[in-house]
Amino acid sequence: MEESQVLIVGGGPAGLMAAEALSHCGVRVEICERMPSVGRKFLLAGRGGLNLTRQEPLELFLERFGPRRGQLEAALGSFGPDAVRDWVAGLGFQTFVGTSGRVFPQDMLAAPLLRAWVSRLRRTGVRFSTGHRMVGWEPDLTLHFETPSGPRRIRPQAAILAMGGGSWSRLGSDGAWAPLLAARGVGVSRLRPANCGFEVPWTPHFRERFAGAPVKSVAARLPEGEARQGEFVVTAFGVEGSLIYLFAAALRDEIERAGSARLLLDLVPGRDLQRLERELSAPRGSRSLAEHLRRRAGIQGVKAGLVRELLVPEDLARPDRLARSLKELPLLLLAPRPLDEAISTAGGVLFEELDEHLMLRAFPGLFCAGEMLDWEAPTGGYLLTACLATGRLAGQSAARWLKASR
């Protein structure tokens, strides 16, 4: 059986940041990654432009983490949006802030940043072992792996688990760690989809005509909630996209509770109800309803299709009811899409199982970080920042624990 100083299981952002924090403290580190290379989900997430973080006041940033804000506040307070930008600059890359407050590398690419990061870690002595899938562990921190060359057992002085959530299993995050921890008595909340699409009972005609169409310049809200503006995409199964993801947690929970959920769409967020009703009440003469909606309310294309799909004839016939419906178009959601399709995961290792340093209370020397912890947040840089911040905290905590244990 091999021995190692600190072993990190998982080569995503949390694991890599934990390794960086440990190497800065002079600790020998080995990263064991299931896939043939590290950072695969990081690379895919950055394919359309790597959203690193969000430039906004820390108080507002923390609010995006909902009920788990308190457990993440220390990590994010010491490694928040400004620190992420400084860290990227330290790797040799400039960043910029988009109009929505999202922060990107100047070239928008994930691959150059990841290469520079891994190269720096190698120079500090971090060892990478790919093709290593953890299949078991013992209370004395002996970890069991399946590797291309056969079984391998490693007993480190400390270990950090950063194996991701349960989505995008083809990239390594399959949630297979959950039963391994549960078998040792570690409390793990059920893994559920977060930042996911939802199923809508479209008619075949609407599905065939509009699947893939973006719905832009709209607002949405829950029946008792505040409206948020953005865009989403109609899919063959329902809806997905950034505006939907903002409400995904609440929609998912309502579907689990009641069997379905409603999202109210405002197709004309720039017009108030009274003005819209006046415009729609104007005589339309021989014009069709579709032409009347286009000329008076700017409703056309997929928006016009949604109106026809979701409203009954009585709503279409009366200008007052039509105006109100355009401001509160009810979209019925039946189910979230499967976990493996989700951008991220809700659920994971309960914070109650961890101390403030992210060490498992029942297993001294074993830390957890990243998306395998029980938290969730919307897209827009929040996910990556929290993975980096918790990885950094776990790495620093493991280094302190090693020092105190000597």
Protein backbone atom coordinates (compact mmCIF):
# COMPACT_ATOMS: atom_id res chain seq x y z
CA MET A 1 0.00 0.00 0.00
CA GLU A 2 1.28 3.44 -0.97
CA GLU A 3 1.41 6.42 1.33
CA SER A 4 0.99 10.05 0.36
CA GLN A 5 0.94 13.34 2.24
CA VAL A 6 -2.34 14.75 0.85
CA LEU A 7 -4.50 13.06 -1.75
CA ILE A 8 -7.14 14.96 -3.70
CA VAL A 9 -9.84 12.92 -5.42
CA GLY A 10 -11.18 14.86 -8.38
CA GLY A 11 -9.46 17.12 -10.89
CA GLY A 12 -12.14 19.73 -11.43
CA PRO A 13 -11.92 23.38 -10.32
CA ALA A 14 -12.40 22.57 -6.62
CA GLY A 15 -9.74 19.86 -6.61
CA LEU A 16 -7.26 21.93 -8.59
CA MET A 17 -7.74 24.93 -6.32
CA ALA A 18 -7.31 22.74 -3.24
CA ALA A 19 -4.04 21.48 -4.72
CA GLU A 20 -2.90 25.05 -5.33
CA ALA A 21 -3.65 26.07 -1.75
CA LEU A 22 -1.77 23.04 -0.39
CA SER A 23 1.25 23.48 -2.65
CA HIS A 24 1.54 27.11 -1.51
CA CYS A 25 1.94 25.70 2.00
CA GLY A 26 4.72 23.36 0.90
CA VAL A 27 2.59 20.21 1.08
CA ARG A 28 3.14 17.29 -1.31
CA VAL A 29 -0.04 16.71 -3.30
CA GLU A 30 -1.36 14.03 -5.62
CA ILE A 31 -4.57 14.49 -7.61
CA CYS A 32 -6.42 11.33 -8.63
CA GLU A 33 -8.84 11.96 -11.49
CA ARG A 34 -11.29 9.44 -12.92
CA MET A 35 -11.10 10.73 -16.52
CA PRO A 36 -8.05 10.66 -18.86
CA SER A 37 -7.46 14.38 -18.21
CA VAL A 38 -8.48 16.97 -15.63
CA GLY A 39 -10.97 19.82 -15.94
CA ARG A 40 -13.23 18.29 -18.59
CA LYS A 41 -16.46 19.83 -17.32
CA PHE A 42 -14.63 23.13 -16.89
CA LEU A 43 -13.66 23.01 -20.56
CA LEU A 44 -17.13 22.15 -21.79
CA ALA A 45 -18.76 24.82 -19.64
CA GLY A 46 -16.43 27.35 -21.24
CA ARG A 47 -17.13 26.31 -24.81
CA GLY A 48 -19.43 29.28 -25.40
CA GLY A 49 -17.30 31.65 -23.32
CA LEU A 50 -15.90 30.89 -19.89
CA ASN A 51 -18.02 32.71 -17.31
CA LEU A 52 -15.61 32.95 -14.39
CA THR A 53 -17.60 34.92 -11.83
CA ARG A 54 -20.03 37.80 -11.46
CA GLN A 55 -19.03 41.37 -10.71
CA GLU A 56 -21.54 42.61 -8.15
CA PRO A 57 -21.55 43.59 -4.47
CA LEU A 58 -20.61 40.64 -2.27
CA GLU A 59 -23.87 40.90 -0.32
CA LEU A 60 -25.89 40.43 -3.51
CA PHE A 61 -23.52 37.69 -4.68
CA LEU A 62 -24.02 35.76 -1.45
CA GLU A 63 -27.82 35.98 -1.73
CA ARG A 64 -27.69 33.79 -4.85
CA PHE A 65 -26.79 30.80 -2.67
CA GLY A 66 -30.13 30.84 -0.85
CA PRO A 67 -30.40 28.76 2.31
CA ARG A 68 -26.75 27.67 2.15
CA ARG A 69 -25.41 31.22 2.15
CA GLY A 70 -24.33 30.94 5.78
CA GLN A 71 -22.26 27.83 5.18
CA LEU A 72 -20.51 29.34 2.14
CA GLU A 73 -20.03 32.88 3.40
CA ALA A 74 -16.59 32.32 4.93
CA ALA A 75 -15.19 30.68 1.78
CA LEU A 76 -16.70 33.25 -0.57
CA GLY A 77 -15.77 36.12 1.72
CA SER A 78 -12.09 35.25 1.40
CA PHE A 79 -12.23 34.21 -2.28
CA GLY A 80 -15.02 36.10 -4.00
CA PRO A 81 -15.41 37.75 -7.43
CA ASP A 82 -12.49 40.18 -7.04
CA ALA A 83 -10.18 37.42 -5.84
CA VAL A 84 -11.15 35.25 -8.82
CA ARG A 85 -10.18 38.04 -11.22
CA ASP A 86 -6.87 38.55 -9.41
CA TRP A 87 -6.17 34.83 -9.54
CA VAL A 88 -6.84 34.71 -13.30
CA ALA A 89 -4.52 37.69 -13.77
CA GLY A 90 -1.86 35.77 -11.86
CA LEU A 91 -2.10 33.05 -14.49
CA GLY A 92 -1.40 35.67 -17.16
CA PHE A 93 -4.92 36.36 -18.42
CA GLN A 94 -6.91 39.57 -18.41
CA THR A 95 -10.65 39.60 -17.73
CA PHE A 96 -13.53 41.87 -18.67
CA VAL A 97 -17.02 42.46 -17.32
CA GLY A 98 -19.92 41.94 -19.72
CA THR A 99 -23.06 44.06 -19.76
CA SER A 100 -24.83 41.65 -17.41
CA GLY A 101 -22.00 41.75 -14.87
CA ARG A 102 -20.61 38.38 -15.91
CA VAL A 103 -16.82 38.15 -15.93
CA PHE A 104 -14.94 36.43 -18.77
CA PRO A 105 -11.31 35.95 -19.82
CA GLN A 106 -10.36 38.46 -22.51
CA ASP A 107 -10.24 35.70 -25.15
CA MET A 108 -13.36 33.99 -23.71
CA LEU A 109 -11.58 30.61 -23.80
CA ALA A 110 -11.26 28.00 -21.05
CA ALA A 111 -8.52 25.80 -22.55
CA PRO A 112 -5.59 28.27 -22.38
CA LEU A 113 -6.43 29.13 -18.77
CA LEU A 114 -6.66 25.46 -17.77
CA ARG A 115 -3.35 24.64 -19.47
CA ALA A 116 -1.60 27.50 -17.66
CA TRP A 117 -3.13 26.44 -14.36
CA VAL A 118 -2.14 22.78 -14.68
CA SER A 119 1.37 23.77 -15.80
CA ARG A 120 1.79 25.97 -12.74
CA LEU A 121 0.60 23.18 -10.46
CA ARG A 122 3.06 20.74 -12.03
CA ARG A 123 5.88 23.21 -11.50
CA THR A 124 5.03 23.37 -7.79
CA GLY A 125 5.28 19.58 -7.55
CA VAL A 126 1.62 18.53 -7.79
CA ARG A 127 1.38 15.00 -9.16
CA PHE A 128 -1.49 14.02 -11.48
CA SER A 129 -2.80 10.44 -11.69
CA THR A 130 -5.56 10.07 -14.29
CA GLY A 131 -7.80 7.10 -14.96
CA HIS A 132 -8.23 6.64 -11.20
CA ARG A 133 -11.77 5.87 -10.08
CA MET A 134 -12.35 5.71 -6.32
CA VAL A 135 -14.30 2.58 -5.46
CA GLY A 136 -13.99 2.46 -1.67
CA TRP A 137 -12.35 3.90 1.40
CA GLU A 138 -11.57 2.94 4.96
CA PRO A 139 -11.95 4.94 8.18
CA ASP A 140 -8.12 5.18 8.44
CA LEU A 141 -8.23 7.16 5.13
CA THR A 142 -7.04 4.29 2.99
CA LEU A 143 -8.60 4.97 -0.41
CA HIS A 144 -9.22 2.25 -2.99
CA PHE A 145 -8.97 3.00 -6.72
CA GLU A 146 -9.45 1.18 -9.97
CA THR A 147 -6.75 2.28 -12.41
CA PRO A 148 -5.62 1.32 -15.93
CA SER A 149 -2.86 -0.78 -14.38
CA GLY A 150 -5.06 -2.46 -11.79
CA PRO A 151 -6.25 -1.81 -8.23
CA ARG A 152 -4.40 0.79 -6.18
CA ARG A 153 -4.61 1.54 -2.44
CA ILE A 154 -3.34 4.83 -1.02
CA ARG A 155 -3.26 5.94 2.61
CA PRO A 156 -2.60 9.70 2.77
CA GLN A 157 -2.09 11.75 5.88
CA ALA A 158 -5.10 13.80 4.76
CA ALA A 159 -7.49 13.65 1.82
CA ILE A 160 -9.83 16.02 0.02
CA LEU A 161 -12.84 14.70 -1.86
CA ALA A 162 -13.79 16.98 -4.76
CA MET A 163 -15.61 14.61 -7.09
CA GLY A 164 -18.29 16.96 -8.42
CA GLY A 165 -22.02 16.45 -8.53
CA GLY A 166 -24.12 14.00 -10.48
CA SER A 167 -24.61 15.75 -13.82
CA TRP A 168 -22.66 15.32 -17.05
CA SER A 169 -21.47 11.83 -16.17
CA ARG A 170 -19.66 11.55 -19.51
CA LEU A 171 -17.24 14.15 -18.16
CA GLY A 172 -16.67 12.37 -14.85
CA SER A 173 -19.36 13.78 -12.54
CA ASP A 174 -21.65 10.80 -12.02
CA GLY A 175 -22.39 10.97 -8.27
CA ALA A 176 -21.01 7.45 -7.74
CA TRP A 177 -19.32 8.71 -4.57
CA ALA A 178 -22.65 9.25 -2.78
CA PRO A 179 -23.32 5.60 -1.81
CA LEU A 180 -19.67 5.15 -0.81
CA LEU A 181 -19.96 7.96 1.73
CA ALA A 182 -23.45 6.97 2.84
CA ALA A 183 -22.19 3.45 3.55
CA ARG A 184 -19.77 4.99 6.08
CA GLY A 185 -22.59 6.88 7.77
CA VAL A 186 -21.96 10.26 6.14
CA GLY A 187 -25.19 12.20 5.60
CA VAL A 188 -25.76 12.85 1.91
CA SER A 189 -28.78 14.71 0.57
CA ARG A 190 -30.31 13.18 -2.56
CA LEU A 191 -28.73 14.49 -5.77
CA ARG A 192 -31.22 16.44 -7.88
CA PRO A 193 -30.99 18.51 -11.08
CA ALA A 194 -30.18 22.21 -10.74
CA ASN A 195 -29.96 24.79 -13.53
CA CYS A 196 -31.95 22.43 -15.69
CA GLY A 197 -34.59 22.43 -18.37
CA PHE A 198 -38.22 21.53 -17.73
CA GLU A 199 -40.81 19.52 -19.59
CA VAL A 200 -43.85 21.33 -21.02
CA PRO A 201 -46.79 19.53 -22.71
CA TRP A 202 -46.44 21.21 -26.10
CA THR A 203 -48.80 20.29 -28.90
CA PRO A 204 -47.11 18.49 -31.81
CA HIS A 205 -47.69 21.51 -34.08
CA PHE A 206 -45.97 23.95 -31.71
CA ARG A 207 -43.11 21.55 -31.01
CA GLU A 208 -42.40 20.91 -34.69
CA ARG A 209 -42.51 24.60 -35.60
CA PHE A 210 -40.67 26.24 -32.71
CA ALA A 211 -38.30 23.73 -31.09
CA GLY A 212 -34.93 25.45 -30.89
CA ALA A 213 -36.34 28.98 -31.09
CA PRO A 214 -34.98 31.55 -28.60
CA VAL A 215 -37.51 33.63 -26.69
CA LYS A 216 -35.86 36.98 -26.04
CA SER A 217 -36.69 40.18 -24.21
CA VAL A 218 -39.11 38.55 -21.80
CA ALA A 219 -39.56 38.50 -18.06
CA ALA A 220 -40.71 35.68 -15.83
CA ARG A 221 -41.83 35.22 -12.27
CA LEU A 222 -43.30 32.65 -9.94
CA PRO A 223 -46.97 33.24 -9.06
CA GLU A 224 -45.98 34.88 -5.76
CA GLY A 225 -42.53 36.10 -6.73
CA GLU A 226 -40.54 38.92 -8.27
CA ALA A 227 -40.08 39.18 -12.04
CA ARG A 228 -36.64 38.70 -13.62
CA GLN A 229 -35.82 39.60 -17.21
CA GLY A 230 -33.82 37.50 -19.65
CA GLU A 231 -34.30 34.87 -22.35
CA PHE A 232 -34.87 31.16 -22.77
CA VAL A 233 -35.16 28.56 -25.51
CA VAL A 234 -38.10 26.44 -26.57
CA THR A 235 -37.04 22.80 -26.89
CA ALA A 236 -38.73 19.66 -28.13
CA PHE A 237 -39.32 18.63 -24.51
CA GLY A 238 -40.16 22.05 -23.04
CA VAL A 239 -37.93 24.99 -22.07
CA GLU A 240 -34.38 25.68 -20.97
CA GLY A 241 -31.97 28.60 -20.76
CA SER A 242 -30.68 31.26 -18.41
CA LEU A 243 -34.06 32.77 -17.49
CA ILE A 244 -35.47 29.33 -16.65
CA TYR A 245 -32.40 28.46 -14.57
CA LEU A 246 -33.00 31.48 -12.32
CA PHE A 247 -36.18 29.79 -11.08
CA ALA A 248 -35.09 26.17 -11.44
CA ALA A 249 -34.72 25.37 -7.73
CA ALA A 250 -38.15 26.73 -6.81
CA LEU A 251 -39.81 25.13 -9.83
CA ARG A 252 -38.22 21.75 -9.12
CA ASP A 253 -39.28 21.85 -5.47
CA GLU A 254 -42.85 22.87 -6.38
CA ILE A 255 -43.12 20.02 -8.88
CA GLU A 256 -41.93 17.57 -6.22
CA ARG A 257 -44.53 18.97 -3.83
CA ALA A 258 -47.54 19.44 -6.11
CA GLY A 259 -46.83 17.48 -9.29
CA SER A 260 -46.49 20.55 -11.52
CA ALA A 261 -45.48 24.20 -11.37
CA ARG A 262 -46.39 27.43 -13.15
CA LEU A 263 -44.12 30.16 -14.44
CA LEU A 264 -45.72 33.45 -15.51
CA LEU A 265 -44.18 35.00 -18.62
CA ASP A 266 -44.28 38.69 -19.49
CA LEU A 267 -43.88 38.81 -23.27
CA VAL A 268 -43.81 42.64 -23.36
CA PRO A 269 -41.84 43.69 -20.25
CA GLY A 270 -41.35 47.24 -21.57
CA ARG A 271 -45.07 48.07 -21.60
CA ASP A 272 -47.41 48.47 -18.67
CA LEU A 273 -50.77 46.75 -18.61
CA GLN A 274 -52.90 49.85 -19.13
CA ARG A 275 -50.97 50.96 -22.20
CA LEU A 276 -51.04 47.46 -23.64
CA GLU A 277 -54.80 47.18 -23.13
CA ARG A 278 -55.36 50.51 -24.93
CA GLU A 279 -53.26 49.43 -27.87
CA LEU A 280 -54.98 46.07 -28.21
CA SER A 281 -58.42 47.71 -27.92
CA ALA A 282 -57.82 49.73 -31.08
CA PRO A 283 -60.00 48.57 -33.99
CA ARG A 284 -58.22 46.06 -36.17
CA GLY A 285 -60.61 46.14 -39.10
CA SER A 286 -59.85 43.40 -41.56
CA ARG A 287 -56.44 42.62 -40.06
CA SER A 288 -55.92 39.17 -38.58
CA LEU A 289 -55.30 38.76 -34.86
CA ALA A 290 -51.70 37.79 -35.64
CA GLU A 291 -51.15 41.03 -37.56
CA HIS A 292 -52.91 43.03 -34.85
CA LEU A 293 -50.61 41.55 -32.19
CA ARG A 294 -47.55 42.26 -34.31
CA ARG A 295 -48.47 45.90 -35.01
CA ARG A 296 -49.88 46.81 -31.61
CA ALA A 297 -47.73 44.76 -29.22
CA GLY A 298 -44.70 43.57 -31.19
CA ILE A 299 -45.79 39.95 -30.72
CA GLN A 300 -44.63 37.74 -33.57
CA GLY A 301 -42.70 34.56 -34.28
CA VAL A 302 -42.26 32.26 -31.30
CA LYS A 303 -43.97 34.76 -28.98
CA ALA A 304 -47.08 34.65 -31.17
CA GLY A 305 -46.80 30.87 -31.16
CA LEU A 306 -46.73 30.83 -27.35
CA VAL A 307 -49.83 33.02 -27.23
CA ARG A 308 -51.73 30.62 -29.49
CA GLU A 309 -50.38 27.59 -27.65
CA LEU A 310 -51.12 28.67 -24.09
CA LEU A 311 -54.30 30.76 -24.29
CA VAL A 312 -57.90 29.69 -24.79
CA PRO A 313 -60.08 31.38 -27.45
CA GLU A 314 -61.93 33.45 -24.82
CA ASP A 315 -58.63 35.08 -23.78
CA LEU A 316 -57.76 35.89 -27.36
CA ALA A 317 -61.14 37.48 -28.10
CA ARG A 318 -61.15 40.14 -25.37
CA PRO A 319 -58.50 42.90 -25.42
CA ASP A 320 -58.46 43.26 -21.62
CA ARG A 321 -57.92 39.53 -21.04
CA LEU A 322 -55.42 39.32 -23.90
CA ALA A 323 -53.42 42.23 -22.51
CA ARG A 324 -53.28 40.67 -19.06
CA SER A 325 -52.31 37.32 -20.55
CA LEU A 326 -49.43 38.85 -22.48
CA LYS A 327 -48.13 40.19 -19.16
CA GLU A 328 -48.80 36.95 -17.25
CA LEU A 329 -48.74 34.10 -19.74
CA PRO A 330 -49.05 30.88 -17.70
CA LEU A 331 -46.49 28.24 -18.60
CA LEU A 332 -47.18 24.80 -17.09
CA LEU A 333 -44.10 22.77 -16.18
CA LEU A 334 -44.51 19.05 -15.52
CA ALA A 335 -41.03 17.80 -14.61
CA PRO A 336 -37.37 18.78 -14.54
CA ARG A 337 -35.17 17.14 -17.12
CA PRO A 338 -32.99 14.22 -15.96
CA LEU A 339 -30.08 14.88 -13.62
CA ASP A 340 -27.45 13.93 -16.18
CA GLU A 341 -28.65 16.75 -18.48
CA ALA A 342 -28.51 19.43 -15.79
CA ILE A 343 -25.78 22.04 -15.71
CA SER A 344 -25.24 21.45 -12.01
CA THR A 345 -26.45 19.41 -9.05
CA ALA A 346 -28.42 20.14 -5.91
CA GLY A 347 -27.86 17.95 -2.89
CA GLY A 348 -24.71 16.27 -1.69
CA VAL A 349 -22.72 16.02 1.53
CA LEU A 350 -24.66 17.79 4.26
CA PHE A 351 -22.89 20.73 5.84
CA GLU A 352 -24.00 19.40 9.20
CA GLU A 353 -21.51 16.56 8.64
CA LEU A 354 -18.65 19.07 8.28
CA ASP A 355 -16.92 21.48 10.59
CA GLU A 356 -16.28 25.10 9.58
CA HIS A 357 -13.09 23.97 7.83
CA LEU A 358 -14.98 21.51 5.56
CA MET A 359 -13.60 18.47 7.40
CA LEU A 360 -15.93 15.55 8.06
CA ARG A 361 -16.53 15.52 11.81
CA ALA A 362 -16.57 11.72 11.97
CA PHE A 363 -13.38 11.29 9.92
CA PRO A 364 -10.54 13.61 10.97
CA GLY A 365 -8.30 14.46 8.04
CA LEU A 366 -10.97 13.92 5.37
CA PHE A 367 -12.29 17.10 3.72
CA CYS A 368 -14.94 17.76 1.07
CA ALA A 369 -15.20 20.60 -1.45
CA GLY A 370 -16.95 21.81 -4.57
CA GLU A 371 -20.19 20.67 -6.11
CA MET A 372 -20.37 17.48 -4.06
CA LEU A 373 -21.41 19.65 -1.10
CA ASP A 374 -25.11 20.30 -0.51
CA TRP A 375 -25.55 23.72 -2.14
CA GLU A 376 -26.80 25.14 -5.40
CA ALA A 377 -26.76 28.48 -7.22
CA PRO A 378 -27.84 29.87 -10.58
CA THR A 379 -25.52 30.06 -13.55
CA GLY A 380 -23.66 33.29 -14.18
CA GLY A 381 -20.33 32.66 -12.45
CA TYR A 382 -21.72 31.70 -9.05
CA LEU A 383 -21.13 27.97 -9.52
CA LEU A 384 -17.49 28.23 -10.53
CA THR A 385 -16.66 30.82 -7.88
CA ALA A 386 -18.07 28.67 -5.10
CA CYS A 387 -16.21 25.59 -6.36
CA LEU A 388 -12.95 27.54 -6.38
CA ALA A 389 -13.63 29.10 -2.98
CA THR A 390 -14.53 25.84 -1.22
CA GLY A 391 -11.58 24.07 -2.84
CA ARG A 392 -9.25 26.77 -1.58
CA LEU A 393 -10.74 26.59 1.92
CA ALA A 394 -10.45 22.79 2.01
CA GLY A 395 -6.83 22.96 0.86
CA GLN A 396 -5.87 25.58 3.43
CA SER A 397 -7.72 23.67 6.14
CA ALA A 398 -5.97 20.41 5.26
CA ALA A 399 -2.59 22.14 5.44
CA ARG A 400 -3.41 23.53 8.90
CA TRP A 401 -4.68 20.16 10.05
CA LEU A 402 -1.46 18.47 8.95
CA LYS A 403 0.62 21.02 10.82
CA ALA A 404 -1.45 20.63 13.98
CA SER A 405 -1.26 16.82 13.77
CA ARG A 406 2.54 16.66 13.82
